[in-house]
N, C-alpha and C. Protein backbone atom coordinates (compact mmCIF):
# COMPACT_ATOMS: atom_id res chain seq x y z
N MET A 1 7.56 -5.69 6.35
CA MET A 1 6.45 -6.07 5.49
C MET A 1 5.95 -7.44 5.88
N SER A 2 5.89 -7.70 7.14
CA SER A 2 5.53 -9.05 7.55
C SER A 2 4.04 -9.35 7.38
N CYS A 3 3.18 -8.36 7.54
CA CYS A 3 1.76 -8.70 7.46
C CYS A 3 0.93 -7.72 6.63
N GLY A 4 1.45 -6.63 6.19
CA GLY A 4 0.66 -5.64 5.47
C GLY A 4 -0.08 -6.19 4.27
N ALA A 5 0.62 -6.93 3.43
CA ALA A 5 -0.02 -7.50 2.24
C ALA A 5 -1.08 -8.52 2.63
N HIS A 6 -0.79 -9.30 3.67
CA HIS A 6 -1.78 -10.28 4.13
C HIS A 6 -3.01 -9.58 4.71
N ASP A 7 -2.79 -8.48 5.41
CA ASP A 7 -3.91 -7.72 5.96
C ASP A 7 -4.82 -7.22 4.85
N VAL A 8 -4.22 -6.66 3.80
CA VAL A 8 -5.01 -6.17 2.68
C VAL A 8 -5.76 -7.32 2.01
N ALA A 9 -5.07 -8.43 1.79
CA ALA A 9 -5.70 -9.59 1.16
C ALA A 9 -6.85 -10.11 2.03
N GLY A 10 -6.65 -10.13 3.34
CA GLY A 10 -7.71 -10.58 4.24
C GLY A 10 -8.93 -9.67 4.21
N LEU A 11 -8.68 -8.37 4.20
CA LEU A 11 -9.80 -7.43 4.11
C LEU A 11 -10.53 -7.57 2.78
N GLU A 12 -9.76 -7.71 1.70
CA GLU A 12 -10.38 -7.87 0.39
C GLU A 12 -11.21 -9.15 0.33
N ALA A 13 -10.74 -10.22 0.98
CA ALA A 13 -11.50 -11.47 1.02
C ALA A 13 -12.84 -11.29 1.74
N LEU A 14 -12.87 -10.34 2.66
CA LEU A 14 -14.12 -10.01 3.37
C LEU A 14 -14.94 -8.96 2.62
N ARG A 15 -14.48 -8.62 1.42
CA ARG A 15 -15.12 -7.62 0.57
C ARG A 15 -15.03 -6.21 1.14
N VAL A 16 -13.95 -5.97 1.88
CA VAL A 16 -13.66 -4.63 2.40
C VAL A 16 -12.52 -4.07 1.55
N PRO A 17 -12.78 -3.06 0.75
CA PRO A 17 -11.72 -2.49 -0.08
C PRO A 17 -10.57 -1.97 0.78
N ALA A 18 -9.35 -2.27 0.37
CA ALA A 18 -8.18 -1.85 1.15
C ALA A 18 -7.01 -1.57 0.22
N VAL A 19 -6.14 -0.67 0.66
CA VAL A 19 -4.93 -0.33 -0.08
C VAL A 19 -3.78 -0.29 0.92
N LEU A 20 -2.72 -0.98 0.60
CA LEU A 20 -1.51 -0.96 1.42
C LEU A 20 -0.70 0.27 1.06
N VAL A 21 -0.29 1.03 2.06
CA VAL A 21 0.59 2.18 1.85
C VAL A 21 1.94 1.79 2.42
N LEU A 22 2.96 1.82 1.58
CA LEU A 22 4.30 1.43 2.01
C LEU A 22 5.32 2.41 1.46
N THR A 23 6.48 2.41 2.09
CA THR A 23 7.54 3.26 1.56
C THR A 23 8.27 2.53 0.45
N THR A 24 8.95 3.30 -0.37
CA THR A 24 9.66 2.74 -1.52
C THR A 24 10.69 1.70 -1.10
N GLU A 25 11.20 1.79 0.08
CA GLU A 25 12.18 0.83 0.58
C GLU A 25 11.63 -0.59 0.60
N PHE A 26 10.33 -0.73 0.73
CA PHE A 26 9.72 -2.05 0.88
C PHE A 26 9.04 -2.56 -0.38
N SER A 27 9.25 -1.90 -1.51
CA SER A 27 8.57 -2.32 -2.73
C SER A 27 9.00 -3.71 -3.20
N GLU A 28 10.29 -4.01 -3.11
CA GLU A 28 10.76 -5.34 -3.51
C GLU A 28 10.25 -6.41 -2.56
N ALA A 29 10.19 -6.11 -1.28
CA ALA A 29 9.65 -7.06 -0.30
C ALA A 29 8.19 -7.36 -0.61
N LEU A 30 7.43 -6.34 -0.99
CA LEU A 30 6.04 -6.56 -1.35
C LEU A 30 5.94 -7.45 -2.58
N ARG A 31 6.74 -7.18 -3.60
CA ARG A 31 6.71 -8.02 -4.81
C ARG A 31 7.06 -9.47 -4.48
N ALA A 32 8.08 -9.67 -3.65
CA ALA A 32 8.49 -11.03 -3.30
C ALA A 32 7.40 -11.73 -2.51
N GLN A 33 6.81 -11.04 -1.56
CA GLN A 33 5.74 -11.64 -0.76
C GLN A 33 4.53 -11.96 -1.63
N ALA A 34 4.19 -11.06 -2.51
CA ALA A 34 3.05 -11.28 -3.40
C ALA A 34 3.26 -12.51 -4.27
N ARG A 35 4.47 -12.64 -4.82
CA ARG A 35 4.79 -13.83 -5.64
C ARG A 35 4.73 -15.10 -4.80
N ALA A 36 5.30 -15.05 -3.61
CA ALA A 36 5.41 -16.24 -2.77
C ALA A 36 4.06 -16.79 -2.33
N VAL A 37 3.13 -15.91 -2.05
CA VAL A 37 1.84 -16.38 -1.53
C VAL A 37 0.69 -16.18 -2.51
N GLY A 38 1.00 -15.69 -3.69
CA GLY A 38 -0.01 -15.60 -4.73
C GLY A 38 -1.07 -14.53 -4.50
N ILE A 39 -0.67 -13.42 -3.91
CA ILE A 39 -1.61 -12.32 -3.72
C ILE A 39 -1.07 -11.09 -4.45
N GLN A 40 -1.97 -10.20 -4.80
CA GLN A 40 -1.58 -8.96 -5.46
C GLN A 40 -2.34 -7.81 -4.80
N PRO A 41 -1.89 -7.40 -3.62
CA PRO A 41 -2.62 -6.34 -2.92
C PRO A 41 -2.51 -5.00 -3.64
N ARG A 42 -3.59 -4.27 -3.60
CA ARG A 42 -3.51 -2.89 -4.09
C ARG A 42 -2.57 -2.14 -3.17
N HIS A 43 -1.77 -1.28 -3.74
CA HIS A 43 -0.81 -0.56 -2.92
C HIS A 43 -0.42 0.78 -3.54
N VAL A 44 0.07 1.64 -2.67
CA VAL A 44 0.59 2.96 -3.06
C VAL A 44 1.89 3.15 -2.29
N GLN A 45 2.88 3.68 -2.97
CA GLN A 45 4.18 3.91 -2.33
C GLN A 45 4.38 5.38 -2.00
N VAL A 46 5.03 5.61 -0.87
CA VAL A 46 5.45 6.96 -0.48
C VAL A 46 6.96 6.94 -0.28
N ALA A 47 7.55 8.11 -0.21
CA ALA A 47 9.00 8.23 -0.07
C ALA A 47 9.48 7.65 1.27
N HIS A 48 10.66 7.10 1.23
CA HIS A 48 11.30 6.52 2.41
C HIS A 48 12.44 7.43 2.81
N PRO A 49 12.76 7.57 4.06
CA PRO A 49 12.13 7.01 5.25
C PRO A 49 11.03 7.93 5.77
N ILE A 50 10.28 7.41 6.73
CA ILE A 50 9.23 8.24 7.32
C ILE A 50 9.45 8.49 8.81
N GLN A 51 10.28 7.69 9.46
CA GLN A 51 10.38 7.76 10.92
C GLN A 51 10.89 9.09 11.46
N ASP A 52 11.69 9.81 10.70
CA ASP A 52 12.24 11.08 11.20
C ASP A 52 11.53 12.30 10.64
N ARG A 53 10.41 12.11 10.02
CA ARG A 53 9.70 13.24 9.41
C ARG A 53 8.85 13.98 10.44
N THR A 54 8.68 15.26 10.18
CA THR A 54 7.82 16.07 11.04
C THR A 54 6.36 15.77 10.72
N ASP A 55 5.48 16.21 11.58
CA ASP A 55 4.04 16.03 11.33
C ASP A 55 3.65 16.66 10.00
N ASP A 56 4.17 17.84 9.71
CA ASP A 56 3.84 18.51 8.46
C ASP A 56 4.33 17.71 7.26
N GLU A 57 5.52 17.14 7.36
CA GLU A 57 6.05 16.32 6.27
C GLU A 57 5.21 15.05 6.07
N LEU A 58 4.78 14.44 7.17
CA LEU A 58 3.93 13.25 7.07
C LEU A 58 2.59 13.60 6.44
N ARG A 59 2.04 14.74 6.81
CA ARG A 59 0.78 15.18 6.19
C ARG A 59 0.96 15.38 4.70
N ALA A 60 2.09 15.96 4.31
CA ALA A 60 2.36 16.17 2.88
C ALA A 60 2.48 14.83 2.15
N LEU A 61 3.13 13.84 2.76
CA LEU A 61 3.22 12.51 2.15
C LEU A 61 1.83 11.90 1.99
N ALA A 62 1.02 12.02 3.05
CA ALA A 62 -0.34 11.47 3.00
C ALA A 62 -1.17 12.18 1.93
N ASP A 63 -1.07 13.50 1.89
CA ASP A 63 -1.80 14.26 0.86
C ASP A 63 -1.37 13.83 -0.54
N GLY A 64 -0.06 13.62 -0.72
CA GLY A 64 0.46 13.21 -2.01
C GLY A 64 0.03 11.81 -2.41
N ALA A 65 -0.24 10.95 -1.43
CA ALA A 65 -0.65 9.57 -1.70
C ALA A 65 -2.16 9.43 -1.90
N LEU A 66 -2.91 10.42 -1.49
CA LEU A 66 -4.37 10.30 -1.48
C LEU A 66 -4.96 9.98 -2.85
N ASP A 67 -4.53 10.67 -3.89
CA ASP A 67 -5.09 10.40 -5.22
C ASP A 67 -4.82 8.96 -5.65
N GLY A 68 -3.62 8.46 -5.36
CA GLY A 68 -3.29 7.08 -5.70
C GLY A 68 -4.14 6.08 -4.92
N ILE A 69 -4.37 6.37 -3.66
CA ILE A 69 -5.21 5.50 -2.83
C ILE A 69 -6.63 5.47 -3.37
N LEU A 70 -7.17 6.65 -3.64
CA LEU A 70 -8.53 6.71 -4.18
C LEU A 70 -8.63 6.02 -5.53
N ASP A 71 -7.61 6.20 -6.36
CA ASP A 71 -7.59 5.53 -7.66
C ASP A 71 -7.61 4.02 -7.48
N GLN A 72 -6.80 3.51 -6.57
CA GLN A 72 -6.77 2.07 -6.32
C GLN A 72 -8.11 1.56 -5.80
N LEU A 73 -8.74 2.33 -4.94
CA LEU A 73 -10.01 1.90 -4.35
C LEU A 73 -11.17 1.94 -5.35
N THR A 74 -11.07 2.83 -6.31
CA THR A 74 -12.21 3.01 -7.22
C THR A 74 -11.98 2.39 -8.60
N ALA A 75 -10.79 1.84 -8.83
CA ALA A 75 -10.50 1.23 -10.12
C ALA A 75 -11.38 0.00 -10.34
N ARG A 76 -11.89 -0.16 -11.54
CA ARG A 76 -12.73 -1.32 -11.83
C ARG A 76 -11.92 -2.61 -11.84
N GLU A 77 -10.70 -2.53 -12.35
CA GLU A 77 -9.84 -3.71 -12.39
C GLU A 77 -8.75 -3.53 -11.35
N ARG A 78 -8.47 -4.60 -10.67
CA ARG A 78 -7.41 -4.57 -9.66
C ARG A 78 -6.06 -4.51 -10.31
N ARG A 79 -5.20 -3.64 -9.83
CA ARG A 79 -3.85 -3.51 -10.35
C ARG A 79 -2.86 -4.01 -9.31
N ALA A 80 -1.80 -4.64 -9.78
CA ALA A 80 -0.75 -5.12 -8.86
C ALA A 80 0.28 -4.05 -8.64
């Protein structure tokens, strides 16, 4: 989680809507980074791990995350 939250914050600063997609393993790292640098990137979590998943399993994870991503992008108020 070295730059994902910063990337989202940078895009948002440019007025480009963005959502960070991360696995559940990195949720605490995101919270710690957000507190440390004062950012609250929009984000959606998917199941961990992903590296050994098949293409079909990855598609299923992406399909499952889509509603959350769209919700984050279209929400009037930003959620942490």
